[in-house]
Amino acid sequence: MEQQPYEPTPDPATGDRPLVLVVDDDPTVAEVVAGYLDRAGYAVDRAADGPAALARAAAHRPDLVVLDLMLPGMDGLEVCRRLRAHGPVPVVMLTARGDEDDRILGLEVGADDYVTKPFSPRELVLRVASVLRRARPAEGTRPLSAAGLTVDPAARRATRDGAELALTLREFDLLAYFLRHPGRAHSREELMHEVWGWDFGDLSTVTVHVRRLRGKVEQDPAEPRLIRTVWGVGYRFEPPGSPDTSLPGGPALAEGA
């Protein structure tokens, strides 16, 4: 199903305040998170399980969902998949500390960010603000094109050979960043800072998003030709005919999938 660019739908009940749906079966956590978000200027809706979350999202489309991974009956991964099937609403996932595989699974099903428990509510509010800021259409930015890919930052729309790409917010920003800097090698730390706006964090987040993006823009994701791995450095976007600027005065490091 072709997904349209994410555009929040104004809700008369919330006024101009962005609506955040908080999904957590722990009433204490949900209450604390909702309180901090409310004081930060967000309208808040709440659900305690997956089916209720999907029903609330269908009734009042949220601007963002804060989604606990461990939910009764239907886990957060399945909730995220079903939300994504209806459109690219931003998702910040809550995961247990140390469950790296679960965090990666969350990113792979389309979560835009995650916060590990126990967490600082202030940090969560900052993550929510960061994701929502990147979700807003940019103004005055020209479309970018290379290798059959086109990214329109103003419309938050990306295509491959004219066909719409269903990208998450972070995948979109990552692709746009690559298109702005063809032929350059970028470290994972640089991508985390420039695309995510983080000065520190789990670098596997970048790895997962690059893998997901390759699955959507490469002819053969197992043998990537556009988003190359530069061993010991990070990644380089290399459209046909682009100059190699990854290493001054010399060829790039060996690449792999």
C-alpha atoms as a PDB file:
ATOM      1  CA  MET A   1       0.000   0.000   0.000  1.00  0.00           C
ATOM      2  CA  GLU A   2       1.368   3.388  -0.967  1.00  0.00           C
ATOM      3  CA  GLN A   3       1.824   5.650   2.028  1.00  0.00           C
ATOM      4  CA  GLN A   4       1.313   9.380   1.859  1.00  0.00           C
ATOM      5  CA  PRO A   5       3.754  11.776   3.529  1.00  0.00           C
ATOM      6  CA  TYR A   6       3.063  12.258   7.208  1.00  0.00           C
ATOM      7  CA  GLU A   7       0.940  15.317   7.879  1.00  0.00           C
ATOM      8  CA  PRO A   8      -0.609  15.736  11.336  1.00  0.00           C
ATOM      9  CA  THR A   9      -4.366  16.238  11.246  1.00  0.00           C
ATOM     10  CA  PRO A  10      -5.600  19.115  13.439  1.00  0.00           C
ATOM     11  CA  ASP A  11      -8.025  17.969  16.127  1.00  0.00           C
ATOM     12  CA  PRO A  12     -10.452  20.592  17.480  1.00  0.00           C
ATOM     13  CA  ALA A  13     -10.332  18.878  20.879  1.00  0.00           C
ATOM     14  CA  THR A  14      -6.602  19.531  21.287  1.00  0.00           C
ATOM     15  CA  GLY A  15      -6.364  22.955  19.644  1.00  0.00           C
ATOM     16  CA  ASP A  16      -2.935  23.648  18.218  1.00  0.00           C
ATOM     17  CA  ARG A  17      -1.162  21.349  20.662  1.00  0.00           C
ATOM     18  CA  PRO A  18       0.433  18.223  19.132  1.00  0.00           C
ATOM     19  CA  LEU A  19      -1.365  15.073  20.238  1.00  0.00           C
ATOM     20  CA  VAL A  20       0.806  12.343  21.765  1.00  0.00           C
ATOM     21  CA  LEU A  21      -0.659   8.884  22.380  1.00  0.00           C
ATOM     22  CA  VAL A  22       1.033   7.189  25.367  1.00  0.00           C
ATOM     23  CA  VAL A  23       0.701   3.391  25.332  1.00  0.00           C
ATOM     24  CA  ASP A  24       1.868   1.636  28.514  1.00  0.00           C
ATOM     25  CA  ASP A  25       0.186  -0.951  30.733  1.00  0.00           C
ATOM     26  CA  ASP A  26       1.898   0.445  33.836  1.00  0.00           C
ATOM     27  CA  PRO A  27      -0.470   3.174  35.071  1.00  0.00           C
ATOM     28  CA  THR A  28       2.271   4.875  37.109  1.00  0.00           C
ATOM     29  CA  VAL A  29       4.607   5.158  34.122  1.00  0.00           C
ATOM     30  CA  ALA A  30       1.771   6.307  31.870  1.00  0.00           C
ATOM     31  CA  GLU A  31       0.680   8.943  34.382  1.00  0.00           C
ATOM     32  CA  VAL A  32       4.195  10.329  34.875  1.00  0.00           C
ATOM     33  CA  VAL A  33       4.890  10.445  31.129  1.00  0.00           C
ATOM     34  CA  ALA A  34       1.528  12.055  30.413  1.00  0.00           C
ATOM     35  CA  GLY A  35       2.142  14.666  33.114  1.00  0.00           C
ATOM     36  CA  TYR A  36       5.532  15.673  31.742  1.00  0.00           C
ATOM     37  CA  LEU A  37       4.217  15.826  28.176  1.00  0.00           C
ATOM     38  CA  ASP A  38       1.231  17.915  29.269  1.00  0.00           C
ATOM     39  CA  ARG A  39       3.496  20.397  31.063  1.00  0.00           C
ATOM     40  CA  ALA A  40       5.684  20.562  27.952  1.00  0.00           C
ATOM     41  CA  GLY A  41       2.684  21.729  25.921  1.00  0.00           C
ATOM     42  CA  TYR A  42       1.411  18.504  24.363  1.00  0.00           C
ATOM     43  CA  ALA A  43      -2.113  17.134  24.357  1.00  0.00           C
ATOM     44  CA  VAL A  44      -2.025  13.551  25.649  1.00  0.00           C
ATOM     45  CA  ASP A  45      -4.169  10.490  25.001  1.00  0.00           C
ATOM     46  CA  ARG A  46      -3.563   7.188  26.783  1.00  0.00           C
ATOM     47  CA  ALA A  47      -4.051   3.469  26.163  1.00  0.00           C
ATOM     48  CA  ALA A  48      -3.075   0.487  28.315  1.00  0.00           C
ATOM     49  CA  ASP A  49      -2.819  -2.224  25.638  1.00  0.00           C
ATOM     50  CA  GLY A  50      -2.381  -2.786  21.912  1.00  0.00           C
ATOM     51  CA  PRO A  51      -6.017  -3.047  20.775  1.00  0.00           C
ATOM     52  CA  ALA A  52      -6.930   0.062  22.776  1.00  0.00           C
ATOM     53  CA  ALA A  53      -3.977   1.918  21.254  1.00  0.00           C
ATOM     54  CA  LEU A  54      -5.057   1.055  17.715  1.00  0.00           C
ATOM     55  CA  ALA A  55      -8.619   2.101  18.492  1.00  0.00           C
ATOM     56  CA  ARG A  56      -7.461   5.429  19.987  1.00  0.00           C
ATOM     57  CA  ALA A  57      -5.167   6.089  17.017  1.00  0.00           C
ATOM     58  CA  ALA A  58      -8.018   5.379  14.600  1.00  0.00           C
ATOM     59  CA  ALA A  59     -10.416   7.677  16.490  1.00  0.00           C
ATOM     60  CA  HIS A  60      -7.962  10.572  16.946  1.00  0.00           C
ATOM     61  CA  ARG A  61      -4.892  10.372  14.766  1.00  0.00           C
ATOM     62  CA  PRO A  62      -1.937  11.249  16.992  1.00  0.00           C
ATOM     63  CA  ASP A  63       1.038  13.357  15.968  1.00  0.00           C
ATOM     64  CA  LEU A  64       3.298  10.867  17.737  1.00  0.00           C
ATOM     65  CA  VAL A  65       2.994   7.610  19.702  1.00  0.00           C
ATOM     66  CA  VAL A  66       5.043   6.767  22.812  1.00  0.00           C
ATOM     67  CA  LEU A  67       4.815   2.978  22.740  1.00  0.00           C
ATOM     68  CA  ASP A  68       5.917   0.460  25.376  1.00  0.00           C
ATOM     69  CA  LEU A  69       7.436  -2.661  23.859  1.00  0.00           C
ATOM     70  CA  MET A  70       6.100  -5.051  26.513  1.00  0.00           C
ATOM     71  CA  LEU A  71       2.316  -4.918  26.388  1.00  0.00           C
ATOM     72  CA  PRO A  72      -0.247  -7.577  27.361  1.00  0.00           C
ATOM     73  CA  GLY A  73      -1.874  -9.523  24.556  1.00  0.00           C
ATOM     74  CA  MET A  74      -0.344  -7.637  21.622  1.00  0.00           C
ATOM     75  CA  ASP A  75       3.232  -6.478  22.038  1.00  0.00           C
ATOM     76  CA  GLY A  76       4.559  -3.102  20.955  1.00  0.00           C
ATOM     77  CA  LEU A  77       6.209  -4.532  17.846  1.00  0.00           C
ATOM     78  CA  GLU A  78       2.859  -5.704  16.475  1.00  0.00           C
ATOM     79  CA  VAL A  79       1.191  -2.437  17.451  1.00  0.00           C
ATOM     80  CA  CYS A  80       3.931  -0.539  15.619  1.00  0.00           C
ATOM     81  CA  ARG A  81       3.512  -2.708  12.512  1.00  0.00           C
ATOM     82  CA  ARG A  82      -0.242  -2.116  12.450  1.00  0.00           C
ATOM     83  CA  LEU A  83       0.155   1.628  12.989  1.00  0.00           C
ATOM     84  CA  ARG A  84       2.673   1.718  10.128  1.00  0.00           C
ATOM     85  CA  ALA A  85       0.234  -0.111   7.864  1.00  0.00           C
ATOM     86  CA  HIS A  86      -2.095   2.890   8.073  1.00  0.00           C
ATOM     87  CA  GLY A  87       0.489   5.637   7.658  1.00  0.00           C
ATOM     88  CA  PRO A  88       3.874   6.890   8.877  1.00  0.00           C
ATOM     89  CA  VAL A  89       2.914   8.253  12.288  1.00  0.00           C
ATOM     90  CA  PRO A  90       6.107   8.841  14.342  1.00  0.00           C
ATOM     91  CA  VAL A  91       6.789   6.294  17.091  1.00  0.00           C
ATOM     92  CA  VAL A  92       9.090   6.537  20.113  1.00  0.00           C
ATOM     93  CA  MET A  93       9.431   3.092  21.661  1.00  0.00           C
ATOM     94  CA  LEU A  94      10.036   2.342  25.347  1.00  0.00           C
ATOM     95  CA  THR A  95      12.253  -0.714  25.904  1.00  0.00           C
ATOM     96  CA  ALA A  96      13.848  -2.455  28.901  1.00  0.00           C
ATOM     97  CA  ARG A  97      17.498  -1.654  29.489  1.00  0.00           C
ATOM     98  CA  GLY A  98      19.830  -4.288  28.070  1.00  0.00           C
ATOM     99  CA  ASP A  99      17.340  -5.756  25.608  1.00  0.00           C
ATOM    100  CA  GLU A 100      19.381  -4.773  22.547  1.00  0.00           C
ATOM    101  CA  ASP A 101      17.683  -7.300  20.276  1.00  0.00           C
ATOM    102  CA  ASP A 102      14.286  -5.870  21.187  1.00  0.00           C
ATOM    103  CA  ARG A 103      15.459  -2.314  20.549  1.00  0.00           C
ATOM    104  CA  ILE A 104      16.770  -3.316  17.125  1.00  0.00           C
ATOM    105  CA  LEU A 105      13.510  -5.114  16.343  1.00  0.00           C
ATOM    106  CA  GLY A 106      11.644  -1.956  17.283  1.00  0.00           C
ATOM    107  CA  LEU A 107      13.710   0.104  14.875  1.00  0.00           C
ATOM    108  CA  GLU A 108      13.286  -2.514  12.165  1.00  0.00           C
ATOM    109  CA  VAL A 109       9.487  -2.396  12.329  1.00  0.00           C
ATOM    110  CA  GLY A 110       9.524   1.377  11.954  1.00  0.00           C
ATOM    111  CA  ALA A 111      10.071   3.044  15.334  1.00  0.00           C
ATOM    112  CA  ASP A 112      11.747   6.422  14.866  1.00  0.00           C
ATOM    113  CA  ASP A 113      13.454   6.491  18.247  1.00  0.00           C
ATOM    114  CA  TYR A 114      13.584   4.579  21.508  1.00  0.00           C
ATOM    115  CA  VAL A 115      14.175   5.273  25.196  1.00  0.00           C
ATOM    116  CA  THR A 116      15.314   2.564  27.597  1.00  0.00           C
ATOM    117  CA  LYS A 117      13.689   1.944  30.981  1.00  0.00           C
ATOM    118  CA  PRO A 118      14.265   3.223  33.574  1.00  0.00           C
ATOM    119  CA  PHE A 119      14.350   6.573  31.816  1.00  0.00           C
ATOM    120  CA  SER A 120      14.282  10.257  32.613  1.00  0.00           C
ATOM    121  CA  PRO A 121      10.884  11.738  31.708  1.00  0.00           C
ATOM    122  CA  ARG A 122      12.714  14.920  30.679  1.00  0.00           C
ATOM    123  CA  GLU A 123      14.825  12.917  28.237  1.00  0.00           C
ATOM    124  CA  LEU A 124      11.683  11.345  26.794  1.00  0.00           C
ATOM    125  CA  VAL A 125      10.104  14.786  26.293  1.00  0.00           C
ATOM    126  CA  LEU A 126      13.274  15.934  24.487  1.00  0.00           C
ATOM    127  CA  ARG A 127      13.183  12.849  22.237  1.00  0.00           C
ATOM    128  CA  VAL A 128       9.512  13.491  21.463  1.00  0.00           C
ATOM    129  CA  ALA A 129      10.276  17.120  20.587  1.00  0.00           C
ATOM    130  CA  SER A 130      13.183  16.060  18.352  1.00  0.00           C
ATOM    131  CA  VAL A 131      11.111  13.516  16.412  1.00  0.00           C
ATOM    132  CA  LEU A 132       8.188  15.927  15.972  1.00  0.00           C
ATOM    133  CA  ARG A 133      10.518  18.698  14.835  1.00  0.00           C
ATOM    134  CA  ARG A 134      11.893  16.447  12.098  1.00  0.00           C
ATOM    135  CA  ALA A 135       8.369  15.363  11.136  1.00  0.00           C
ATOM    136  CA  ARG A 136       7.356  18.881  10.172  1.00  0.00           C
ATOM    137  CA  PRO A 137       7.661  19.715   6.471  1.00  0.00           C
ATOM    138  CA  ALA A 138      10.734  21.813   5.746  1.00  0.00           C
ATOM    139  CA  GLU A 139      10.309  25.127   3.978  1.00  0.00           C
ATOM    140  CA  GLY A 140      12.448  26.544   1.213  1.00  0.00           C
ATOM    141  CA  THR A 141      14.443  23.346   0.632  1.00  0.00           C
ATOM    142  CA  ARG A 142      14.883  22.189  -2.935  1.00  0.00           C
ATOM    143  CA  PRO A 143      14.263  18.568  -3.958  1.00  0.00           C
ATOM    144  CA  LEU A 144      17.338  16.343  -4.157  1.00  0.00           C
ATOM    145  CA  SER A 145      17.852  13.771  -6.895  1.00  0.00           C
ATOM    146  CA  ALA A 146      20.425  11.103  -7.749  1.00  0.00           C
ATOM    147  CA  ALA A 147      20.462   7.551  -9.118  1.00  0.00           C
ATOM    148  CA  GLY A 148      16.706   7.525  -9.734  1.00  0.00           C
ATOM    149  CA  LEU A 149      16.016   8.681  -6.180  1.00  0.00           C
ATOM    150  CA  THR A 150      14.250  11.963  -5.433  1.00  0.00           C
ATOM    151  CA  VAL A 151      13.733  13.480  -1.995  1.00  0.00           C
ATOM    152  CA  ASP A 152      11.500  16.510  -1.509  1.00  0.00           C
ATOM    153  CA  PRO A 153      12.192  17.836   2.015  1.00  0.00           C
ATOM    154  CA  ALA A 154       9.380  20.409   1.831  1.00  0.00           C
ATOM    155  CA  ALA A 155       6.779  17.718   1.114  1.00  0.00           C
ATOM    156  CA  ARG A 156       8.540  15.014   3.182  1.00  0.00           C
ATOM    157  CA  ARG A 157       8.239  12.782   0.131  1.00  0.00           C
ATOM    158  CA  ALA A 158      10.698  10.375  -1.464  1.00  0.00           C
ATOM    159  CA  THR A 159      10.477   8.373  -4.692  1.00  0.00           C
ATOM    160  CA  ARG A 160      12.524   5.749  -6.489  1.00  0.00           C
ATOM    161  CA  ASP A 161      12.139   5.752 -10.266  1.00  0.00           C
ATOM    162  CA  GLY A 162       8.915   7.692  -9.754  1.00  0.00           C
ATOM    163  CA  ALA A 163       7.395   5.238  -7.256  1.00  0.00           C
ATOM    164  CA  GLU A 164       6.618   6.448  -3.737  1.00  0.00           C
ATOM    165  CA  LEU A 165       8.920   5.168  -0.996  1.00  0.00           C
ATOM    166  CA  ALA A 166       7.381   4.376   2.392  1.00  0.00           C
ATOM    167  CA  LEU A 167      10.113   5.719   4.670  1.00  0.00           C
ATOM    168  CA  THR A 168      10.088   6.390   8.378  1.00  0.00           C
ATOM    169  CA  LEU A 169      11.096   9.864   9.511  1.00  0.00           C
ATOM    170  CA  ARG A 170      14.659   8.809  10.294  1.00  0.00           C
ATOM    171  CA  GLU A 171      15.003   6.855   7.047  1.00  0.00           C
ATOM    172  CA  PHE A 172      13.845   9.934   5.157  1.00  0.00           C
ATOM    173  CA  ASP A 173      16.317  12.203   6.940  1.00  0.00           C
ATOM    174  CA  LEU A 174      19.120   9.699   6.434  1.00  0.00           C
ATOM    175  CA  LEU A 175      18.449   9.425   2.706  1.00  0.00           C
ATOM    176  CA  ALA A 176      18.256  13.212   2.381  1.00  0.00           C
ATOM    177  CA  TYR A 177      21.584  13.569   4.182  1.00  0.00           C
ATOM    178  CA  PHE A 178      23.222  11.030   1.874  1.00  0.00           C
ATOM    179  CA  LEU A 179      21.861  12.810  -1.211  1.00  0.00           C
ATOM    180  CA  ARG A 180      23.224  16.136   0.053  1.00  0.00           C
ATOM    181  CA  HIS A 181      26.718  14.650   0.438  1.00  0.00           C
ATOM    182  CA  PRO A 182      27.372  12.202  -2.422  1.00  0.00           C
ATOM    183  CA  GLY A 183      30.774  10.540  -2.524  1.00  0.00           C
ATOM    184  CA  ARG A 184      31.641  11.379   1.095  1.00  0.00           C
ATOM    185  CA  ALA A 185      32.369   8.815   3.784  1.00  0.00           C
ATOM    186  CA  HIS A 186      30.415   9.392   6.989  1.00  0.00           C
ATOM    187  CA  SER A 187      31.157   7.797  10.334  1.00  0.00           C
ATOM    188  CA  ARG A 188      28.286   6.403  12.356  1.00  0.00           C
ATOM    189  CA  GLU A 189      28.988   9.052  14.983  1.00  0.00           C
ATOM    190  CA  GLU A 190      28.635  11.795  12.368  1.00  0.00           C
ATOM    191  CA  LEU A 191      25.371  10.355  11.078  1.00  0.00           C
ATOM    192  CA  MET A 192      24.011  10.074  14.615  1.00  0.00           C
ATOM    193  CA  HIS A 193      24.849  13.725  15.257  1.00  0.00           C
ATOM    194  CA  GLU A 194      23.691  15.132  11.912  1.00  0.00           C
ATOM    195  CA  VAL A 195      20.602  12.972  11.287  1.00  0.00           C
ATOM    196  CA  TRP A 196      19.418  12.096  14.793  1.00  0.00           C
ATOM    197  CA  GLY A 197      20.694  15.229  16.501  1.00  0.00           C
ATOM    198  CA  TRP A 198      22.337  13.134  19.236  1.00  0.00           C
ATOM    199  CA  ASP A 199      25.862  13.693  20.549  1.00  0.00           C
ATOM    200  CA  PHE A 200      25.919  10.176  22.005  1.00  0.00           C
ATOM    201  CA  GLY A 201      23.865   7.022  21.759  1.00  0.00           C
ATOM    202  CA  ASP A 202      23.754   3.422  20.584  1.00  0.00           C
ATOM    203  CA  LEU A 203      25.447   3.316  17.178  1.00  0.00           C
ATOM    204  CA  SER A 204      23.478   0.177  16.264  1.00  0.00           C
ATOM    205  CA  THR A 205      20.600   2.597  15.671  1.00  0.00           C
ATOM    206  CA  VAL A 206      22.485   3.940  12.636  1.00  0.00           C
ATOM    207  CA  THR A 207      23.364   0.437  11.433  1.00  0.00           C
ATOM    208  CA  VAL A 208      19.737  -0.714  11.587  1.00  0.00           C
ATOM    209  CA  HIS A 209      18.466   2.345   9.719  1.00  0.00           C
ATOM    210  CA  VAL A 210      21.082   1.981   6.982  1.00  0.00           C
ATOM    211  CA  ARG A 211      20.076  -1.662   6.550  1.00  0.00           C
ATOM    212  CA  ARG A 212      16.384  -0.738   6.356  1.00  0.00           C
ATOM    213  CA  LEU A 213      17.091   2.079   3.911  1.00  0.00           C
ATOM    214  CA  ARG A 214      19.125  -0.210   1.673  1.00  0.00           C
ATOM    215  CA  GLY A 215      16.145  -2.550   1.551  1.00  0.00           C
ATOM    216  CA  LYS A 216      14.075   0.247   0.032  1.00  0.00           C
ATOM    217  CA  VAL A 217      16.504   1.997  -2.341  1.00  0.00           C
ATOM    218  CA  GLU A 218      18.912  -0.716  -3.544  1.00  0.00           C
ATOM    219  CA  GLN A 219      18.210  -3.034  -6.461  1.00  0.00           C
ATOM    220  CA  ASP A 220      19.866  -5.812  -4.441  1.00  0.00           C
ATOM    221  CA  PRO A 221      20.197  -4.934  -0.740  1.00  0.00           C
ATOM    222  CA  ALA A 222      22.574  -7.870  -0.254  1.00  0.00           C
ATOM    223  CA  GLU A 223      24.962  -6.279  -2.775  1.00  0.00           C
ATOM    224  CA  PRO A 224      24.477  -2.530  -2.208  1.00  0.00           C
ATOM    225  CA  ARG A 225      25.706  -0.255  -4.973  1.00  0.00           C
ATOM    226  CA  LEU A 226      24.450   3.108  -3.689  1.00  0.00           C
ATOM    227  CA  ILE A 227      24.974   3.062   0.079  1.00  0.00           C
ATOM    228  CA  ARG A 228      28.422   1.527   0.481  1.00  0.00           C
ATOM    229  CA  THR A 229      30.100   0.349   3.642  1.00  0.00           C
ATOM    230  CA  VAL A 230      33.501   1.955   4.168  1.00  0.00           C
ATOM    231  CA  TRP A 231      35.264  -0.432   6.509  1.00  0.00           C
ATOM    232  CA  GLY A 232      36.584   1.188   9.649  1.00  0.00           C
ATOM    233  CA  VAL A 233      34.758   4.435   8.833  1.00  0.00           C
ATOM    234  CA  GLY A 234      31.041   4.081   8.189  1.00  0.00           C
ATOM    235  CA  TYR A 235      29.038   4.598   4.995  1.00  0.00           C
ATOM    236  CA  ARG A 236      29.223   6.454   1.705  1.00  0.00           C
ATOM    237  CA  PHE A 237      26.413   7.272  -0.736  1.00  0.00           C
ATOM    238  CA  GLU A 238      27.869   6.653  -4.192  1.00  0.00           C
ATOM    239  CA  PRO A 239      25.505   7.335  -7.109  1.00  0.00           C
ATOM    240  CA  PRO A 240      26.875   6.462 -10.547  1.00  0.00           C
ATOM    241  CA  GLY A 241      29.403   9.055 -11.682  1.00  0.00           C
ATOM    242  CA  SER A 242      29.914  10.649  -8.260  1.00  0.00           C
ATOM    243  CA  PRO A 243      33.466  11.608  -7.305  1.00  0.00           C
ATOM    244  CA  ASP A 244      35.128   9.646  -4.505  1.00  0.00           C
ATOM    245  CA  THR A 245      35.917  12.132  -1.756  1.00  0.00           C
ATOM    246  CA  SER A 246      36.061   9.655   1.099  1.00  0.00           C
ATOM    247  CA  LEU A 247      39.848   9.708   1.311  1.00  0.00           C
ATOM    248  CA  PRO A 248      41.901  12.705   0.123  1.00  0.00           C
ATOM    249  CA  GLY A 249      44.171  11.817  -2.756  1.00  0.00           C
ATOM    250  CA  GLY A 250      43.340   8.146  -2.880  1.00  0.00           C
ATOM    251  CA  PRO A 251      40.704   5.462  -3.468  1.00  0.00           C
ATOM    252  CA  ALA A 252      38.086   4.489  -0.942  1.00  0.00           C
ATOM    253  CA  LEU A 253      38.611   1.752   1.594  1.00  0.00           C
ATOM    254  CA  ALA A 254      37.291  -1.657   0.669  1.00  0.00           C
ATOM    255  CA  GLU A 255      33.528  -1.870   0.688  1.00  0.00           C
ATOM    256  CA  GLY A 256      31.130  -4.596   1.620  1.00  0.00           C
ATOM    257  CA  ALA A 257      27.429  -5.187   2.093  1.00  0.00           C
END
